N, C-alpha and C. Protein backbone atom coordinates (compact mmCIF):
# COMPACT_ATOMS: atom_id res chain seq x y z
N MET A 1 234.29 223.01 124.53
CA MET A 1 235.03 224.00 123.79
C MET A 1 236.47 224.04 124.32
N ALA A 2 237.41 224.15 123.43
CA ALA A 2 238.82 224.16 123.80
C ALA A 2 239.20 225.49 124.45
N SER A 3 240.13 225.42 125.37
CA SER A 3 240.63 226.62 126.04
C SER A 3 241.89 227.11 125.34
N LEU A 4 241.98 228.40 125.11
CA LEU A 4 243.16 229.00 124.49
C LEU A 4 244.01 229.72 125.52
N SER A 5 244.02 229.22 126.74
CA SER A 5 244.74 229.90 127.81
C SER A 5 246.25 229.78 127.67
N LYS A 6 246.75 228.91 126.83
CA LYS A 6 248.19 228.74 126.66
C LYS A 6 248.70 229.38 125.38
N VAL A 7 248.04 230.48 124.97
CA VAL A 7 248.47 231.22 123.78
C VAL A 7 248.82 232.63 124.21
N GLY A 8 250.00 233.09 123.78
CA GLY A 8 250.43 234.45 124.08
C GLY A 8 250.56 235.25 122.80
N SER A 9 250.73 236.56 122.97
CA SER A 9 250.91 237.41 121.79
C SER A 9 251.94 238.49 122.08
N LYS A 10 252.59 238.92 121.04
CA LYS A 10 253.55 240.02 121.11
C LYS A 10 253.20 240.95 119.95
N ILE A 11 253.07 242.26 120.25
CA ILE A 11 252.70 243.23 119.22
C ILE A 11 253.93 244.04 118.83
N VAL A 12 254.17 244.14 117.54
CA VAL A 12 255.28 244.93 117.00
C VAL A 12 254.68 246.12 116.28
N GLY A 13 255.15 247.30 116.59
CA GLY A 13 254.65 248.47 115.89
C GLY A 13 254.61 249.68 116.78
N PRO A 14 254.21 250.78 116.26
CA PRO A 14 253.70 250.95 114.91
C PRO A 14 254.83 250.95 113.88
N ILE A 15 254.50 250.48 112.70
CA ILE A 15 255.41 250.49 111.56
C ILE A 15 254.80 251.43 110.53
N SER A 16 255.53 252.47 110.19
CA SER A 16 255.01 253.47 109.25
C SER A 16 254.93 252.88 107.84
N PRO A 17 254.13 253.48 106.97
CA PRO A 17 254.07 253.00 105.59
C PRO A 17 255.46 253.00 104.92
N LYS A 18 256.30 253.98 105.24
CA LYS A 18 257.64 254.02 104.66
C LYS A 18 258.47 252.82 105.11
N GLU A 19 258.42 252.51 106.42
CA GLU A 19 259.14 251.34 106.94
C GLU A 19 258.58 250.05 106.35
N PHE A 20 257.27 250.03 106.20
CA PHE A 20 256.61 248.82 105.72
C PHE A 20 256.95 248.52 104.26
N SER A 21 257.30 249.55 103.51
CA SER A 21 257.63 249.34 102.10
C SER A 21 259.07 248.86 101.90
N ASP A 22 259.88 248.92 102.95
CA ASP A 22 261.26 248.44 102.87
C ASP A 22 261.32 247.02 103.42
N LEU A 23 261.52 246.04 102.54
CA LEU A 23 261.47 244.63 102.93
C LEU A 23 262.49 244.29 104.01
N SER A 24 263.68 244.85 103.92
CA SER A 24 264.72 244.56 104.89
C SER A 24 264.32 245.02 106.29
N THR A 25 263.77 246.23 106.39
CA THR A 25 263.32 246.76 107.68
C THR A 25 262.19 245.92 108.23
N LEU A 26 261.27 245.53 107.37
CA LEU A 26 260.13 244.73 107.80
C LEU A 26 260.58 243.37 108.32
N GLU A 27 261.48 242.71 107.61
CA GLU A 27 261.99 241.41 108.05
C GLU A 27 262.71 241.54 109.39
N THR A 28 263.47 242.60 109.57
CA THR A 28 264.18 242.82 110.83
C THR A 28 263.20 242.98 111.98
N LYS A 29 262.14 243.76 111.77
CA LYS A 29 261.14 243.98 112.82
C LYS A 29 260.42 242.67 113.19
N ILE A 30 260.07 241.88 112.18
CA ILE A 30 259.40 240.60 112.46
C ILE A 30 260.34 239.66 113.20
N ASP A 31 261.58 239.55 112.74
CA ASP A 31 262.56 238.69 113.41
C ASP A 31 262.80 239.13 114.84
N THR A 32 262.89 240.44 115.07
CA THR A 32 263.09 240.96 116.42
C THR A 32 261.92 240.61 117.32
N ALA A 33 260.70 240.71 116.80
CA ALA A 33 259.51 240.37 117.59
C ALA A 33 259.50 238.90 117.96
N ILE A 34 259.85 238.05 117.02
CA ILE A 34 259.86 236.61 117.31
C ILE A 34 260.95 236.28 118.33
N GLN A 35 262.12 236.90 118.21
CA GLN A 35 263.20 236.65 119.16
C GLN A 35 262.88 237.19 120.55
N ALA A 36 262.01 238.20 120.63
CA ALA A 36 261.65 238.79 121.93
C ALA A 36 260.68 237.93 122.72
N VAL A 37 260.13 236.90 122.10
CA VAL A 37 259.22 236.00 122.80
C VAL A 37 260.06 235.11 123.72
N SER A 38 259.94 235.34 125.02
CA SER A 38 260.79 234.61 125.96
C SER A 38 260.04 233.55 126.77
N ASP A 39 258.71 233.57 126.71
CA ASP A 39 257.94 232.62 127.51
C ASP A 39 257.23 231.58 126.65
N ALA A 40 257.80 231.29 125.49
CA ALA A 40 257.20 230.30 124.60
C ALA A 40 257.54 228.89 125.08
N SER A 41 256.73 227.93 124.64
CA SER A 41 256.91 226.55 125.08
C SER A 41 258.10 225.88 124.40
N ALA A 42 258.48 226.33 123.22
CA ALA A 42 259.60 225.73 122.48
C ALA A 42 260.09 226.74 121.45
N THR A 43 261.21 226.44 120.82
CA THR A 43 261.74 227.37 119.82
C THR A 43 260.90 227.42 118.56
N ASN A 44 260.04 226.44 118.36
CA ASN A 44 259.16 226.44 117.18
C ASN A 44 257.70 226.68 117.57
N ALA A 45 257.47 227.45 118.62
CA ALA A 45 256.12 227.63 119.18
C ALA A 45 255.34 228.78 118.55
N VAL A 46 255.89 229.47 117.56
CA VAL A 46 255.13 230.54 116.91
C VAL A 46 253.98 229.92 116.13
N LEU A 47 252.78 230.37 116.43
CA LEU A 47 251.58 229.82 115.79
C LEU A 47 251.22 230.58 114.53
N GLY A 48 251.58 231.86 114.49
CA GLY A 48 251.25 232.66 113.31
C GLY A 48 251.44 234.13 113.56
N THR A 49 251.25 234.91 112.52
CA THR A 49 251.33 236.37 112.62
C THR A 49 250.09 236.95 111.96
N GLU A 50 249.74 238.14 112.40
CA GLU A 50 248.59 238.82 111.85
C GLU A 50 248.95 240.29 111.67
N LEU A 51 248.54 240.89 110.58
CA LEU A 51 248.78 242.30 110.31
C LEU A 51 247.53 243.10 110.62
N ILE A 52 247.70 244.18 111.38
CA ILE A 52 246.60 245.08 111.70
C ILE A 52 247.02 246.48 111.28
N THR A 53 246.15 247.19 110.58
CA THR A 53 246.44 248.56 110.15
C THR A 53 245.51 249.51 110.89
N VAL A 54 246.11 250.52 111.54
CA VAL A 54 245.35 251.53 112.27
C VAL A 54 245.84 252.90 111.83
N LEU A 55 244.96 253.69 111.24
CA LEU A 55 245.28 255.05 110.79
C LEU A 55 246.55 255.09 109.94
N GLY A 56 246.72 254.12 109.07
CA GLY A 56 247.85 254.10 108.16
C GLY A 56 249.11 253.45 108.71
N ASN A 57 249.15 253.22 110.01
CA ASN A 57 250.30 252.54 110.61
C ASN A 57 249.99 251.06 110.75
N HIS A 58 251.02 250.24 110.61
CA HIS A 58 250.85 248.80 110.66
C HIS A 58 251.39 248.24 111.97
N PHE A 59 250.70 247.24 112.47
CA PHE A 59 251.13 246.51 113.66
C PHE A 59 251.14 245.03 113.30
N ILE A 60 252.15 244.32 113.77
CA ILE A 60 252.23 242.89 113.54
C ILE A 60 252.02 242.19 114.88
N VAL A 61 251.07 241.27 114.92
CA VAL A 61 250.79 240.50 116.12
C VAL A 61 251.39 239.10 115.91
N VAL A 62 252.29 238.70 116.81
CA VAL A 62 252.88 237.38 116.76
C VAL A 62 252.18 236.52 117.80
N LEU A 63 251.56 235.43 117.39
CA LEU A 63 250.86 234.51 118.29
C LEU A 63 251.77 233.30 118.53
N TYR A 64 251.87 232.87 119.79
CA TYR A 64 252.75 231.76 120.11
C TYR A 64 252.19 230.96 121.27
N GLN A 65 252.66 229.72 121.40
CA GLN A 65 252.22 228.83 122.46
C GLN A 65 253.07 229.06 123.71
N LEU A 66 252.40 229.27 124.83
CA LEU A 66 253.09 229.49 126.09
C LEU A 66 253.63 228.19 126.65
N SER A 67 254.65 228.31 127.48
CA SER A 67 255.21 227.10 128.13
C SER A 67 254.36 226.67 129.29
């Protein structure tokens, strides 16, 4: 079985439903989260994003490859 020990995550949120409905605010939050990843293996190391909703608030999880 493969080891996922070289994968990191950064969580952005909470993002309120009002913020989430504004595309510009949402793009800014996602871009800020990706730029905040400082221990990635390369500038193109983002593996993906995942949206999680908890009690009406949204959180974005950014998955990336560690250096």
